[in-house]
Amino acid sequence: MLSKIRGSHLGFVPVAVVVILAGSVAGAGAASAGRIAMRHHHGTQGIVTSINGVATTGTCGAATATGNFTLVGMRRAIVTVDVVSTTTFTDPAVLSPATPSFADVCVGVPVKVLGTFATGTLTAASVAILPPRHLSDGHRNLRGHGQD
């Protein structure tokens, strides 16, 4: 199964498998299921390239809104991410009492997303806004080259 996941996930990293049972509990440790659904939770990270279809640098989501964004992730995969009402956000640059939101997701910003992948879209359970990488910090840049 691992090779099947590797070939079909387009740069996503399987994080967990959620099993949903619809049925009844027969006793301690036993259940009867009329339906079983499995959802693979995935994660990816990359640079946001558009918000709700707008690719202008600096364009951001709206604080209380749902919507979508695209990012260029691992192996240059383009990923569409749906932001839903239950999506949570983290951003180390946002200090309490303020809370991070979709408004902190902007074109050009690096993010890490965890969620459920189905029909070509990653529905975000959580979005972490990552600190920007600078060539001067010795890390590899987005093209995979370190500073010399």
N, C-alpha and C. Protein backbone atom coordinates (compact mmCIF):
# COMPACT_ATOMS: atom_id res chain seq x y z
N MET A 1 0.82 -1.20 0.00
CA MET A 1 0.00 0.00 0.00
C MET A 1 0.86 1.25 0.00
N LEU A 2 2.03 1.19 0.64
CA LEU A 2 2.88 2.36 0.69
C LEU A 2 3.32 2.78 -0.70
N SER A 3 3.66 1.82 -1.57
CA SER A 3 4.05 2.20 -2.93
C SER A 3 2.88 2.81 -3.69
N LYS A 4 1.68 2.36 -3.42
CA LYS A 4 0.49 2.94 -4.05
C LYS A 4 0.29 4.39 -3.61
N ILE A 5 0.51 4.65 -2.33
CA ILE A 5 0.37 6.01 -1.81
C ILE A 5 1.45 6.90 -2.42
N ARG A 6 2.69 6.41 -2.48
CA ARG A 6 3.78 7.22 -3.03
C ARG A 6 3.50 7.63 -4.46
N GLY A 7 2.95 6.75 -5.25
CA GLY A 7 2.72 7.04 -6.65
C GLY A 7 1.54 7.95 -6.90
N SER A 8 0.63 8.07 -5.95
CA SER A 8 -0.60 8.82 -6.21
C SER A 8 -0.74 10.10 -5.42
N HIS A 9 0.21 10.44 -4.57
CA HIS A 9 -0.02 11.57 -3.69
C HIS A 9 0.56 12.89 -4.17
N LEU A 10 1.24 12.92 -5.29
CA LEU A 10 1.72 14.17 -5.90
C LEU A 10 2.42 15.11 -4.94
N GLY A 11 3.32 14.57 -4.12
CA GLY A 11 4.07 15.42 -3.22
C GLY A 11 3.46 15.56 -1.84
N PHE A 12 2.39 14.87 -1.56
CA PHE A 12 1.79 14.91 -0.24
C PHE A 12 2.43 13.87 0.64
N VAL A 13 2.49 14.13 1.91
CA VAL A 13 3.01 13.19 2.87
C VAL A 13 1.83 12.65 3.67
N PRO A 14 1.57 11.31 3.59
CA PRO A 14 0.47 10.77 4.39
C PRO A 14 0.75 11.00 5.87
N VAL A 15 -0.18 11.59 6.57
CA VAL A 15 0.01 11.91 7.97
C VAL A 15 -0.74 10.91 8.85
N ALA A 16 -1.96 10.56 8.50
CA ALA A 16 -2.76 9.64 9.30
C ALA A 16 -3.86 9.07 8.43
N VAL A 17 -4.40 7.97 8.88
CA VAL A 17 -5.56 7.40 8.22
C VAL A 17 -6.69 7.41 9.24
N VAL A 18 -7.81 7.99 8.88
CA VAL A 18 -8.97 8.06 9.76
C VAL A 18 -9.99 7.03 9.28
N VAL A 19 -10.46 6.19 10.17
CA VAL A 19 -11.47 5.20 9.83
C VAL A 19 -12.77 5.62 10.48
N ILE A 20 -13.82 5.73 9.68
CA ILE A 20 -15.13 6.13 10.19
C ILE A 20 -16.06 4.94 10.08
N LEU A 21 -16.64 4.55 11.20
CA LEU A 21 -17.58 3.44 11.23
C LEU A 21 -18.98 3.97 11.42
N ALA A 22 -19.92 3.48 10.64
CA ALA A 22 -21.32 3.82 10.83
C ALA A 22 -22.04 2.52 11.18
N GLY A 23 -22.47 2.38 12.39
CA GLY A 23 -23.11 1.15 12.83
C GLY A 23 -23.46 1.22 14.29
N SER A 24 -23.28 0.11 15.00
CA SER A 24 -23.63 0.08 16.42
C SER A 24 -22.56 -0.66 17.20
N VAL A 25 -22.52 -0.38 18.50
CA VAL A 25 -21.57 -1.05 19.39
C VAL A 25 -22.25 -2.30 19.93
N ALA A 26 -21.60 -3.45 19.72
CA ALA A 26 -22.18 -4.72 20.15
C ALA A 26 -21.78 -5.07 21.57
N GLY A 27 -20.72 -4.55 22.05
CA GLY A 27 -20.25 -4.84 23.41
C GLY A 27 -18.87 -4.25 23.57
N ALA A 28 -18.23 -4.57 24.69
CA ALA A 28 -16.90 -4.03 24.96
C ALA A 28 -15.91 -4.48 23.89
N GLY A 29 -15.36 -3.54 23.18
CA GLY A 29 -14.35 -3.84 22.18
C GLY A 29 -14.88 -4.38 20.87
N ALA A 30 -16.19 -4.42 20.67
CA ALA A 30 -16.76 -4.95 19.43
C ALA A 30 -17.75 -3.96 18.85
N ALA A 31 -17.79 -3.89 17.52
CA ALA A 31 -18.73 -3.01 16.86
C ALA A 31 -19.21 -3.66 15.58
N SER A 32 -20.39 -3.31 15.19
CA SER A 32 -20.96 -3.78 13.93
C SER A 32 -21.03 -2.58 13.00
N ALA A 33 -20.46 -2.72 11.80
CA ALA A 33 -20.42 -1.58 10.89
C ALA A 33 -21.21 -1.89 9.62
N GLY A 34 -22.17 -1.03 9.33
CA GLY A 34 -22.90 -1.12 8.08
C GLY A 34 -22.15 -0.43 6.97
N ARG A 35 -21.27 0.50 7.35
CA ARG A 35 -20.49 1.25 6.38
C ARG A 35 -19.16 1.63 7.01
N ILE A 36 -18.09 1.49 6.25
CA ILE A 36 -16.76 1.88 6.70
C ILE A 36 -16.19 2.84 5.67
N ALA A 37 -15.71 3.97 6.12
CA ALA A 37 -15.09 4.93 5.22
C ALA A 37 -13.70 5.25 5.74
N MET A 38 -12.73 5.26 4.87
CA MET A 38 -11.37 5.61 5.25
C MET A 38 -10.98 6.89 4.54
N ARG A 39 -10.42 7.80 5.27
CA ARG A 39 -9.93 9.05 4.68
C ARG A 39 -8.46 9.17 4.99
N HIS A 40 -7.68 9.46 3.99
CA HIS A 40 -6.25 9.67 4.19
C HIS A 40 -6.02 11.15 4.47
N HIS A 41 -5.31 11.43 5.55
CA HIS A 41 -4.95 12.82 5.85
C HIS A 41 -3.56 13.06 5.28
N HIS A 42 -3.40 14.18 4.64
CA HIS A 42 -2.16 14.51 3.97
C HIS A 42 -1.64 15.86 4.41
N GLY A 43 -0.42 16.10 4.09
CA GLY A 43 0.17 17.40 4.35
C GLY A 43 1.12 17.78 3.23
N THR A 44 1.28 19.04 3.04
CA THR A 44 2.24 19.56 2.07
C THR A 44 2.66 20.95 2.53
N GLN A 45 3.71 21.44 1.96
CA GLN A 45 4.09 22.82 2.22
C GLN A 45 4.67 23.42 0.96
N GLY A 46 4.61 24.72 0.88
CA GLY A 46 5.10 25.42 -0.28
C GLY A 46 4.79 26.90 -0.21
N ILE A 47 4.93 27.56 -1.35
CA ILE A 47 4.71 29.00 -1.44
C ILE A 47 3.34 29.26 -2.05
N VAL A 48 2.55 30.12 -1.42
CA VAL A 48 1.22 30.46 -1.92
C VAL A 48 1.38 31.24 -3.22
N THR A 49 0.66 30.80 -4.28
CA THR A 49 0.76 31.45 -5.58
C THR A 49 -0.50 32.20 -5.98
N SER A 50 -1.64 31.90 -5.34
CA SER A 50 -2.86 32.68 -5.58
C SER A 50 -3.83 32.48 -4.44
N ILE A 51 -4.68 33.50 -4.23
CA ILE A 51 -5.75 33.46 -3.23
C ILE A 51 -7.05 33.70 -3.98
N ASN A 52 -7.97 32.75 -3.88
CA ASN A 52 -9.26 32.85 -4.57
C ASN A 52 -9.09 33.25 -6.04
N GLY A 53 -8.05 32.70 -6.68
CA GLY A 53 -7.82 32.95 -8.10
C GLY A 53 -7.02 34.19 -8.43
N VAL A 54 -6.65 35.00 -7.44
CA VAL A 54 -5.89 36.23 -7.67
C VAL A 54 -4.42 35.97 -7.33
N ALA A 55 -3.53 36.19 -8.31
CA ALA A 55 -2.11 35.87 -8.14
C ALA A 55 -1.24 37.09 -7.87
N THR A 56 -1.81 38.24 -7.57
CA THR A 56 -1.05 39.45 -7.31
C THR A 56 -0.31 39.32 -5.98
N THR A 57 0.99 39.59 -5.99
CA THR A 57 1.79 39.51 -4.77
C THR A 57 1.17 40.38 -3.68
N GLY A 58 1.07 39.82 -2.48
CA GLY A 58 0.50 40.54 -1.36
C GLY A 58 -1.00 40.33 -1.18
N THR A 59 -1.69 39.71 -2.16
CA THR A 59 -3.12 39.42 -2.00
C THR A 59 -3.28 38.40 -0.89
N CYS A 60 -4.25 38.64 0.01
CA CYS A 60 -4.46 37.77 1.17
C CYS A 60 -5.92 37.34 1.24
N GLY A 61 -6.16 36.29 2.01
CA GLY A 61 -7.53 35.85 2.27
C GLY A 61 -8.21 36.84 3.19
N ALA A 62 -9.49 36.61 3.45
CA ALA A 62 -10.25 37.46 4.38
C ALA A 62 -10.35 36.75 5.73
N ALA A 63 -10.27 37.52 6.81
CA ALA A 63 -10.18 36.97 8.16
C ALA A 63 -11.28 35.98 8.51
N THR A 64 -12.51 36.28 8.18
CA THR A 64 -13.62 35.41 8.60
C THR A 64 -14.20 34.60 7.45
N ALA A 65 -13.50 34.58 6.33
CA ALA A 65 -14.06 33.94 5.13
C ALA A 65 -13.47 32.56 4.88
N THR A 66 -14.20 31.79 4.09
CA THR A 66 -13.67 30.56 3.53
C THR A 66 -13.21 30.90 2.12
N GLY A 67 -12.56 30.00 1.47
CA GLY A 67 -12.09 30.25 0.11
C GLY A 67 -11.08 29.21 -0.28
N ASN A 68 -10.19 29.57 -1.18
CA ASN A 68 -9.15 28.63 -1.59
C ASN A 68 -7.88 29.38 -1.94
N PHE A 69 -6.81 28.62 -1.95
CA PHE A 69 -5.55 29.15 -2.44
C PHE A 69 -4.77 28.04 -3.12
N THR A 70 -3.84 28.43 -3.96
CA THR A 70 -2.96 27.45 -4.58
C THR A 70 -1.56 27.68 -4.07
N LEU A 71 -0.78 26.61 -4.07
CA LEU A 71 0.61 26.72 -3.69
C LEU A 71 1.45 25.84 -4.58
N VAL A 72 2.71 26.17 -4.70
CA VAL A 72 3.67 25.32 -5.38
C VAL A 72 4.40 24.58 -4.28
N GLY A 73 4.21 23.26 -4.27
CA GLY A 73 4.76 22.44 -3.20
C GLY A 73 5.96 21.63 -3.63
N MET A 74 6.12 20.50 -2.98
CA MET A 74 7.23 19.61 -3.25
C MET A 74 7.22 19.18 -4.72
N ARG A 75 8.39 19.06 -5.26
CA ARG A 75 8.56 18.66 -6.66
C ARG A 75 7.78 19.54 -7.61
N ARG A 76 7.60 20.81 -7.23
CA ARG A 76 6.90 21.81 -8.04
C ARG A 76 5.45 21.46 -8.31
N ALA A 77 4.86 20.60 -7.47
CA ALA A 77 3.45 20.25 -7.64
C ALA A 77 2.59 21.46 -7.29
N ILE A 78 1.58 21.74 -8.12
CA ILE A 78 0.64 22.81 -7.84
C ILE A 78 -0.54 22.19 -7.10
N VAL A 79 -0.81 22.71 -5.92
CA VAL A 79 -1.83 22.14 -5.05
C VAL A 79 -2.92 23.19 -4.80
N THR A 80 -4.17 22.80 -4.96
CA THR A 80 -5.30 23.67 -4.61
C THR A 80 -5.74 23.30 -3.20
N VAL A 81 -5.87 24.30 -2.34
CA VAL A 81 -6.24 24.10 -0.94
C VAL A 81 -7.55 24.82 -0.68
N ASP A 82 -8.53 24.09 -0.16
CA ASP A 82 -9.80 24.70 0.25
C ASP A 82 -9.73 25.05 1.73
N VAL A 83 -10.08 26.29 2.05
CA VAL A 83 -10.17 26.75 3.43
C VAL A 83 -11.65 26.71 3.79
N VAL A 84 -11.97 25.95 4.84
CA VAL A 84 -13.36 25.79 5.29
C VAL A 84 -13.53 26.43 6.66
N SER A 85 -14.76 26.47 7.13
CA SER A 85 -15.04 27.16 8.40
C SER A 85 -14.32 26.53 9.59
N THR A 86 -13.92 25.27 9.49
CA THR A 86 -13.25 24.60 10.61
C THR A 86 -11.73 24.62 10.50
N THR A 87 -11.18 25.21 9.42
CA THR A 87 -9.74 25.29 9.26
C THR A 87 -9.13 26.15 10.37
N THR A 88 -8.06 25.65 10.97
CA THR A 88 -7.35 26.43 11.99
C THR A 88 -6.06 26.97 11.41
N PHE A 89 -5.58 28.08 11.96
CA PHE A 89 -4.39 28.75 11.45
C PHE A 89 -3.41 28.98 12.59
N THR A 90 -2.12 28.86 12.28
CA THR A 90 -1.07 29.23 13.21
C THR A 90 -0.08 30.13 12.48
N ASP A 91 0.45 31.10 13.20
CA ASP A 91 1.43 32.02 12.63
C ASP A 91 2.26 32.57 13.78
N PRO A 92 3.55 32.23 13.83
CA PRO A 92 4.39 32.70 14.94
C PRO A 92 4.52 34.22 14.99
N ALA A 93 4.20 34.91 13.90
CA ALA A 93 4.30 36.37 13.88
C ALA A 93 3.08 37.04 14.50
N VAL A 94 1.99 36.29 14.70
CA VAL A 94 0.77 36.86 15.29
C VAL A 94 0.81 36.61 16.79
N LEU A 95 0.83 37.69 17.54
CA LEU A 95 0.95 37.58 19.00
C LEU A 95 -0.40 37.73 19.67
N SER A 96 -0.56 37.03 20.79
CA SER A 96 -1.79 37.09 21.57
C SER A 96 -2.03 38.53 22.02
N PRO A 97 -3.23 39.00 22.05
CA PRO A 97 -4.50 38.30 21.99
C PRO A 97 -5.03 38.09 20.57
N ALA A 98 -4.33 38.58 19.54
CA ALA A 98 -4.78 38.38 18.16
C ALA A 98 -4.68 36.89 17.81
N THR A 99 -5.51 36.45 16.89
CA THR A 99 -5.46 35.06 16.44
C THR A 99 -5.23 35.02 14.93
N PRO A 100 -4.40 34.10 14.48
CA PRO A 100 -4.16 33.98 13.04
C PRO A 100 -5.43 33.55 12.31
N SER A 101 -5.54 33.94 11.04
CA SER A 101 -6.72 33.60 10.24
C SER A 101 -6.32 33.50 8.77
N PHE A 102 -7.32 33.28 7.92
CA PHE A 102 -7.10 33.22 6.48
C PHE A 102 -6.48 34.53 5.98
N ALA A 103 -6.67 35.62 6.69
CA ALA A 103 -6.10 36.92 6.30
C ALA A 103 -4.57 36.91 6.37
N ASP A 104 -3.99 35.95 7.10
CA ASP A 104 -2.54 35.84 7.20
C ASP A 104 -1.93 35.00 6.08
N VAL A 105 -2.79 34.38 5.27
CA VAL A 105 -2.33 33.60 4.12
C VAL A 105 -2.32 34.53 2.91
N CYS A 106 -1.13 34.81 2.39
CA CYS A 106 -0.98 35.79 1.31
C CYS A 106 -0.12 35.21 0.19
N VAL A 107 -0.31 35.72 -1.01
CA VAL A 107 0.52 35.31 -2.15
C VAL A 107 1.97 35.61 -1.82
N GLY A 108 2.83 34.62 -2.02
CA GLY A 108 4.25 34.76 -1.75
C GLY A 108 4.69 34.26 -0.39
N VAL A 109 3.74 33.87 0.46
CA VAL A 109 4.05 33.43 1.82
C VAL A 109 4.21 31.91 1.86
N PRO A 110 5.23 31.40 2.57
CA PRO A 110 5.35 29.94 2.72
C PRO A 110 4.37 29.42 3.77
N VAL A 111 3.72 28.29 3.47
CA VAL A 111 2.76 27.68 4.39
C VAL A 111 2.95 26.17 4.45
N LYS A 112 2.45 25.58 5.51
CA LYS A 112 2.37 24.12 5.66
C LYS A 112 0.91 23.80 5.91
N VAL A 113 0.35 22.84 5.15
CA VAL A 113 -1.07 22.53 5.24
C VAL A 113 -1.25 21.06 5.58
N LEU A 114 -2.15 20.77 6.52
CA LEU A 114 -2.58 19.41 6.82
C LEU A 114 -4.06 19.33 6.53
N GLY A 115 -4.51 18.21 5.96
CA GLY A 115 -5.92 18.08 5.65
C GLY A 115 -6.24 16.79 4.94
N THR A 116 -7.39 16.78 4.29
CA THR A 116 -7.88 15.60 3.58
C THR A 116 -7.85 15.87 2.09
N PHE A 117 -7.22 14.96 1.35
CA PHE A 117 -7.09 15.12 -0.09
C PHE A 117 -8.16 14.28 -0.79
N ALA A 118 -8.97 14.92 -1.62
CA ALA A 118 -9.99 14.22 -2.41
C ALA A 118 -10.28 15.02 -3.66
N THR A 119 -10.53 14.34 -4.75
CA THR A 119 -10.88 14.94 -6.04
C THR A 119 -10.00 16.13 -6.42
N GLY A 120 -8.69 15.97 -6.25
CA GLY A 120 -7.75 16.98 -6.70
C GLY A 120 -7.57 18.18 -5.81
N THR A 121 -8.19 18.19 -4.64
CA THR A 121 -8.12 19.34 -3.74
C THR A 121 -7.79 18.88 -2.33
N LEU A 122 -6.96 19.66 -1.65
CA LEU A 122 -6.64 19.41 -0.26
C LEU A 122 -7.53 20.31 0.59
N THR A 123 -8.46 19.71 1.35
CA THR A 123 -9.31 20.48 2.25
C THR A 123 -8.54 20.65 3.55
N ALA A 124 -8.24 21.89 3.89
CA ALA A 124 -7.34 22.18 5.00
C ALA A 124 -8.00 22.00 6.35
N ALA A 125 -7.40 21.16 7.19
CA ALA A 125 -7.76 21.09 8.60
C ALA A 125 -6.97 22.15 9.35
N SER A 126 -5.70 22.32 8.95
CA SER A 126 -4.87 23.35 9.58
C SER A 126 -3.89 23.93 8.56
N VAL A 127 -3.61 25.21 8.74
CA VAL A 127 -2.64 25.93 7.90
C VAL A 127 -1.68 26.63 8.84
N ALA A 128 -0.39 26.35 8.66
CA ALA A 128 0.64 27.03 9.44
C ALA A 128 1.38 27.98 8.52
N ILE A 129 1.40 29.24 8.88
CA ILE A 129 2.16 30.23 8.12
C ILE A 129 3.60 30.09 8.61
N LEU A 130 4.53 29.88 7.70
CA LEU A 130 5.92 29.64 8.06
C LEU A 130 6.73 30.92 7.94
N PRO A 131 7.79 31.03 8.73
CA PRO A 131 8.64 32.21 8.59
C PRO A 131 9.32 32.18 7.22
N PRO A 132 9.56 33.34 6.62
CA PRO A 132 10.22 33.36 5.31
C PRO A 132 11.65 32.87 5.43
N ARG A 133 12.13 32.25 4.37
CA ARG A 133 13.52 31.79 4.33
C ARG A 133 14.36 32.83 3.61
N HIS A 134 15.51 33.07 4.14
CA HIS A 134 16.43 34.03 3.53
C HIS A 134 17.70 33.30 3.14
N LEU A 135 18.28 33.66 2.01
CA LEU A 135 19.52 33.03 1.59
C LEU A 135 20.63 33.26 2.61
N SER A 136 20.55 34.36 3.34
CA SER A 136 21.61 34.70 4.30
C SER A 136 21.59 33.82 5.54
N ASP A 137 20.50 33.03 5.76
CA ASP A 137 20.45 32.21 6.96
C ASP A 137 21.08 30.83 6.77
N GLY A 138 21.63 30.57 5.56
CA GLY A 138 22.31 29.31 5.32
C GLY A 138 21.39 28.17 4.91
N HIS A 139 20.10 28.39 4.88
CA HIS A 139 19.17 27.36 4.45
C HIS A 139 19.15 27.29 2.93
N ARG A 140 18.61 26.20 2.41
CA ARG A 140 18.46 26.08 0.98
C ARG A 140 17.33 26.98 0.52
N ASN A 141 17.50 27.57 -0.66
CA ASN A 141 16.41 28.39 -1.18
C ASN A 141 15.42 27.49 -1.90
N LEU A 142 14.37 28.04 -2.49
CA LEU A 142 13.32 27.25 -3.09
C LEU A 142 13.78 26.45 -4.29
N ARG A 143 14.89 26.79 -4.88
CA ARG A 143 15.42 26.04 -6.02
C ARG A 143 16.38 24.95 -5.58
N GLY A 144 16.53 24.77 -4.25
CA GLY A 144 17.37 23.71 -3.74
C GLY A 144 18.85 24.04 -3.64
N HIS A 145 19.22 25.32 -3.79
CA HIS A 145 20.62 25.71 -3.72
C HIS A 145 20.88 26.46 -2.43
N GLY A 146 21.91 26.06 -1.73
CA GLY A 146 22.29 26.79 -0.53
C GLY A 146 23.12 28.00 -0.88
N GLN A 147 23.30 28.88 0.10
CA GLN A 147 24.14 30.05 -0.15
C GLN A 147 25.60 29.62 -0.13
N ASP A 148 26.37 30.12 -1.07
CA ASP A 148 27.79 29.77 -1.15
C ASP A 148 28.65 30.77 -0.45
